[in-house]
């Protein structure tokens, strides 16, 4: 769980440091969505087996 929190912190800090964020999105909420669901292609392979 600590690794996940560190990853989210690193992404958050990278976004806030980016010039585009500072120029256009300062003060806006940052939402980080983590989705570990398998891709459709992976599901298709599982259905065949």
PDB file of N, CA and C in Angstrom:
ATOM      1  N   UNK A   1       0.825  -1.190   0.000  1.00  0.00           N
ATOM      2  CA  UNK A   1       0.000   0.000   0.000  1.00  0.00           C
ATOM      3  C   UNK A   1       0.871   1.256   0.000  1.00  0.00           C
ATOM      4  N   UNK A   2       1.988   1.206   0.691  1.00  0.00           N
ATOM      5  CA  UNK A   2       2.896   2.354   0.745  1.00  0.00           C
ATOM      6  C   UNK A   2       3.450   2.679  -0.641  1.00  0.00           C
ATOM      7  N   UNK A   3       3.739   1.636  -1.424  1.00  0.00           N
ATOM      8  CA  UNK A   3       4.251   1.852  -2.783  1.00  0.00           C
ATOM      9  C   UNK A   3       3.208   2.577  -3.623  1.00  0.00           C
ATOM     10  N   UNK A   4       1.941   2.186  -3.491  1.00  0.00           N
ATOM     11  CA  UNK A   4       0.871   2.852  -4.230  1.00  0.00           C
ATOM     12  C   UNK A   4       0.761   4.320  -3.841  1.00  0.00           C
ATOM     13  N   UNK A   5       0.835   4.605  -2.550  1.00  0.00           N
ATOM     14  CA  UNK A   5       0.740   5.989  -2.080  1.00  0.00           C
ATOM     15  C   UNK A   5       1.909   6.818  -2.596  1.00  0.00           C
ATOM     16  N   UNK A   6       3.088   6.238  -2.607  1.00  0.00           N
ATOM     17  CA  UNK A   6       4.255   6.951  -3.123  1.00  0.00           C
ATOM     18  C   UNK A   6       4.114   7.217  -4.618  1.00  0.00           C
ATOM     19  N   UNK A   7       3.561   6.259  -5.353  1.00  0.00           N
ATOM     20  CA  UNK A   7       3.343   6.430  -6.790  1.00  0.00           C
ATOM     21  C   UNK A   7       2.364   7.569  -7.048  1.00  0.00           C
ATOM     22  N   UNK A   8       1.255   7.590  -6.333  1.00  0.00           N
ATOM     23  CA  UNK A   8       0.256   8.649  -6.506  1.00  0.00           C
ATOM     24  C   UNK A   8       0.860  10.004  -6.146  1.00  0.00           C
ATOM     25  N   UNK A   9       1.633  10.062  -5.084  1.00  0.00           N
ATOM     26  CA  UNK A   9       2.303  11.316  -4.712  1.00  0.00           C
ATOM     27  C   UNK A   9       3.250  11.782  -5.813  1.00  0.00           C
ATOM     28  N   UNK A  10       3.993  10.846  -6.405  1.00  0.00           N
ATOM     29  CA  UNK A  10       4.931  11.204  -7.473  1.00  0.00           C
ATOM     30  C   UNK A  10       4.188  11.736  -8.694  1.00  0.00           C
ATOM     31  N   UNK A  11       3.076  11.096  -9.063  1.00  0.00           N
ATOM     32  CA  UNK A  11       2.279  11.562 -10.199  1.00  0.00           C
ATOM     33  C   UNK A  11       1.716  12.946  -9.906  1.00  0.00           C
ATOM     34  N   UNK A  12       1.155  13.126  -8.728  1.00  0.00           N
ATOM     35  CA  UNK A  12       0.573  14.407  -8.318  1.00  0.00           C
ATOM     36  C   UNK A  12       1.611  15.526  -8.394  1.00  0.00           C
ATOM     37  N   UNK A  13       2.788  15.270  -7.852  1.00  0.00           N
ATOM     38  CA  UNK A  13       3.843  16.283  -7.862  1.00  0.00           C
ATOM     39  C   UNK A  13       4.330  16.580  -9.276  1.00  0.00           C
ATOM     40  N   UNK A  14       4.411  15.551 -10.121  1.00  0.00           N
ATOM     41  CA  UNK A  14       4.831  15.762 -11.508  1.00  0.00           C
ATOM     42  C   UNK A  14       3.817  16.607 -12.263  1.00  0.00           C
ATOM     43  N   UNK A  15       2.538  16.348 -12.039  1.00  0.00           N
ATOM     44  CA  UNK A  15       1.490  17.129 -12.704  1.00  0.00           C
ATOM     45  C   UNK A  15       1.553  18.582 -12.258  1.00  0.00           C
ATOM     46  N   UNK A  16       1.663  18.804 -10.962  1.00  0.00           N
ATOM     47  CA  UNK A  16       1.678  20.182 -10.452  1.00  0.00           C
ATOM     48  C   UNK A  16       2.917  20.951 -10.908  1.00  0.00           C
ATOM     49  N   UNK A  17       4.004  20.258 -11.202  1.00  0.00           N
ATOM     50  CA  UNK A  17       5.231  20.916 -11.636  1.00  0.00           C
ATOM     51  C   UNK A  17       5.241  21.206 -13.139  1.00  0.00           C
ATOM     52  N   UNK A  18       4.335  20.604 -13.894  1.00  0.00           N
ATOM     53  CA  UNK A  18       4.318  20.744 -15.351  1.00  0.00           C
ATOM     54  C   UNK A  18       3.865  22.146 -15.759  1.00  0.00           C
ATOM     55  N   UNK A  19       4.506  22.696 -16.781  1.00  0.00           N
ATOM     56  CA  UNK A  19       4.190  24.049 -17.252  1.00  0.00           C
ATOM     57  C   UNK A  19       2.741  24.191 -17.712  1.00  0.00           C
ATOM     58  N   UNK A  20       2.205  23.175 -18.366  1.00  0.00           N
ATOM     59  CA  UNK A  20       0.818  23.245 -18.850  1.00  0.00           C
ATOM     60  C   UNK A  20      -0.146  23.348 -17.673  1.00  0.00           C
ATOM     61  N   UNK A  21       0.089  22.563 -16.635  1.00  0.00           N
ATOM     62  CA  UNK A  21      -0.758  22.649 -15.444  1.00  0.00           C
ATOM     63  C   UNK A  21      -0.689  24.051 -14.850  1.00  0.00           C
ATOM     64  N   UNK A  22       0.516  24.550 -14.693  1.00  0.00           N
ATOM     65  CA  UNK A  22       0.675  25.872 -14.076  1.00  0.00           C
ATOM     66  C   UNK A  22       0.068  26.975 -14.929  1.00  0.00           C
ATOM     67  N   UNK A  23       0.095  26.821 -16.253  1.00  0.00           N
ATOM     68  CA  UNK A  23      -0.428  27.861 -17.141  1.00  0.00           C
ATOM     69  C   UNK A  23      -1.950  27.833 -17.247  1.00  0.00           C
ATOM     70  N   UNK A  24      -2.550  26.628 -17.200  1.00  0.00           N
ATOM     71  CA  UNK A  24      -3.975  26.521 -17.516  1.00  0.00           C
ATOM     72  C   UNK A  24      -4.854  25.932 -16.413  1.00  0.00           C
ATOM     73  N   UNK A  25      -4.269  25.215 -15.471  1.00  0.00           N
ATOM     74  CA  UNK A  25      -5.096  24.465 -14.533  1.00  0.00           C
ATOM     75  C   UNK A  25      -4.803  24.734 -13.065  1.00  0.00           C
ATOM     76  N   UNK A  26      -4.008  25.721 -12.757  1.00  0.00           N
ATOM     77  CA  UNK A  26      -3.697  26.038 -11.367  1.00  0.00           C
ATOM     78  C   UNK A  26      -4.988  26.296 -10.594  1.00  0.00           C
ATOM     79  N   UNK A  27      -5.098  25.672  -9.448  1.00  0.00           N
ATOM     80  CA  UNK A  27      -6.291  25.828  -8.622  1.00  0.00           C
ATOM     81  C   UNK A  27      -7.378  24.814  -8.910  1.00  0.00           C
ATOM     82  N   UNK A  28      -7.216  24.033  -9.985  1.00  0.00           N
ATOM     83  CA  UNK A  28      -8.204  23.003 -10.316  1.00  0.00           C
ATOM     84  C   UNK A  28      -7.887  21.727  -9.536  1.00  0.00           C
ATOM     85  N   UNK A  29      -8.900  20.923  -9.335  1.00  0.00           N
ATOM     86  CA  UNK A  29      -8.736  19.656  -8.635  1.00  0.00           C
ATOM     87  C   UNK A  29      -8.046  18.642  -9.536  1.00  0.00           C
ATOM     88  N   UNK A  30      -7.102  17.917  -8.974  1.00  0.00           N
ATOM     89  CA  UNK A  30      -6.426  16.844  -9.698  1.00  0.00           C
ATOM     90  C   UNK A  30      -7.041  15.529  -9.246  1.00  0.00           C
ATOM     91  N   UNK A  31      -7.527  14.751 -10.197  1.00  0.00           N
ATOM     92  CA  UNK A  31      -8.112  13.447  -9.904  1.00  0.00           C
ATOM     93  C   UNK A  31      -7.248  12.389 -10.571  1.00  0.00           C
ATOM     94  N   UNK A  32      -6.774  11.448  -9.785  1.00  0.00           N
ATOM     95  CA  UNK A  32      -5.961  10.353 -10.308  1.00  0.00           C
ATOM     96  C   UNK A  32      -6.795   9.085 -10.223  1.00  0.00           C
ATOM     97  N   UNK A  33      -7.052   8.472 -11.380  1.00  0.00           N
ATOM     98  CA  UNK A  33      -7.863   7.260 -11.443  1.00  0.00           C
ATOM     99  C   UNK A  33      -6.938   6.090 -11.742  1.00  0.00           C
ATOM    100  N   UNK A  34      -6.932   5.126 -10.868  1.00  0.00           N
ATOM    101  CA  UNK A  34      -6.138   3.921 -11.066  1.00  0.00           C
ATOM    102  C   UNK A  34      -7.078   2.795 -11.470  1.00  0.00           C
ATOM    103  N   UNK A  35      -6.814   2.215 -12.621  1.00  0.00           N
ATOM    104  CA  UNK A  35      -7.668   1.150 -13.133  1.00  0.00           C
ATOM    105  C   UNK A  35      -6.789  -0.036 -13.475  1.00  0.00           C
ATOM    106  N   UNK A  36      -6.919  -1.092 -12.740  1.00  0.00           N
ATOM    107  CA  UNK A  36      -6.104  -2.265 -13.008  1.00  0.00           C
ATOM    108  C   UNK A  36      -6.913  -3.389 -13.643  1.00  0.00           C
ATOM    109  N   UNK A  37      -8.054  -3.061 -14.212  1.00  0.00           N
ATOM    110  CA  UNK A  37      -8.865  -4.073 -14.888  1.00  0.00           C
ATOM    111  C   UNK A  37      -8.138  -4.532 -16.145  1.00  0.00           C
ATOM    112  N   UNK A  38      -8.230  -5.806 -16.471  1.00  0.00           N
ATOM    113  CA  UNK A  38      -7.563  -6.295 -17.675  1.00  0.00           C
ATOM    114  C   UNK A  38      -8.164  -5.668 -18.937  1.00  0.00           C
ATOM    115  N   UNK A  39      -7.340  -5.519 -19.917  1.00  0.00           N
ATOM    116  CA  UNK A  39      -7.801  -4.985 -21.199  1.00  0.00           C
ATOM    117  C   UNK A  39      -8.765  -5.966 -21.858  1.00  0.00           C
ATOM    118  N   UNK A  40      -9.557  -5.470 -22.777  1.00  0.00           N
ATOM    119  CA  UNK A  40     -10.545  -6.314 -23.473  1.00  0.00           C
ATOM    120  C   UNK A  40      -9.875  -7.516 -24.125  1.00  0.00           C
ATOM    121  N   UNK A  41      -8.703  -7.307 -24.698  1.00  0.00           N
ATOM    122  CA  UNK A  41      -7.994  -8.392 -25.365  1.00  0.00           C
ATOM    123  C   UNK A  41      -7.684  -9.510 -24.375  1.00  0.00           C
ATOM    124  N   UNK A  42      -7.321  -9.158 -23.156  1.00  0.00           N
ATOM    125  CA  UNK A  42      -7.021 -10.153 -22.131  1.00  0.00           C
ATOM    126  C   UNK A  42      -8.267 -10.956 -21.789  1.00  0.00           C
ATOM    127  N   UNK A  43      -9.410 -10.273 -21.664  1.00  0.00           N
ATOM    128  CA  UNK A  43     -10.654 -10.980 -21.372  1.00  0.00           C
ATOM    129  C   UNK A  43     -11.013 -11.936 -22.499  1.00  0.00           C
ATOM    130  N   UNK A  44     -10.791 -11.548 -23.738  1.00  0.00           N
ATOM    131  CA  UNK A  44     -11.107 -12.420 -24.871  1.00  0.00           C
ATOM    132  C   UNK A  44     -10.292 -13.697 -24.800  1.00  0.00           C
ATOM    133  N   UNK A  45      -9.028 -13.592 -24.434  1.00  0.00           N
ATOM    134  CA  UNK A  45      -8.182 -14.778 -24.311  1.00  0.00           C
ATOM    135  C   UNK A  45      -8.694 -15.680 -23.197  1.00  0.00           C
ATOM    136  N   UNK A  46      -9.151 -15.109 -22.093  1.00  0.00           N
ATOM    137  CA  UNK A  46      -9.652 -15.909 -20.975  1.00  0.00           C
ATOM    138  C   UNK A  46     -10.943 -16.624 -21.340  1.00  0.00           C
ATOM    139  N   UNK A  47     -11.777 -16.003 -22.146  1.00  0.00           N
ATOM    140  CA  UNK A  47     -13.052 -16.607 -22.518  1.00  0.00           C
ATOM    141  C   UNK A  47     -12.853 -17.848 -23.369  1.00  0.00           C
ATOM    142  N   UNK A  48     -11.777 -17.881 -24.146  1.00  0.00           N
ATOM    143  CA  UNK A  48     -11.529 -19.012 -25.040  1.00  0.00           C
ATOM    144  C   UNK A  48     -11.008 -20.233 -24.302  1.00  0.00           C
ATOM    145  N   UNK A  49     -10.401 -20.025 -23.140  1.00  0.00           N
ATOM    146  CA  UNK A  49      -9.793 -21.159 -22.435  1.00  0.00           C
ATOM    147  C   UNK A  49     -10.761 -21.833 -21.509  1.00  0.00           C
TER     148      UNK A  49
END
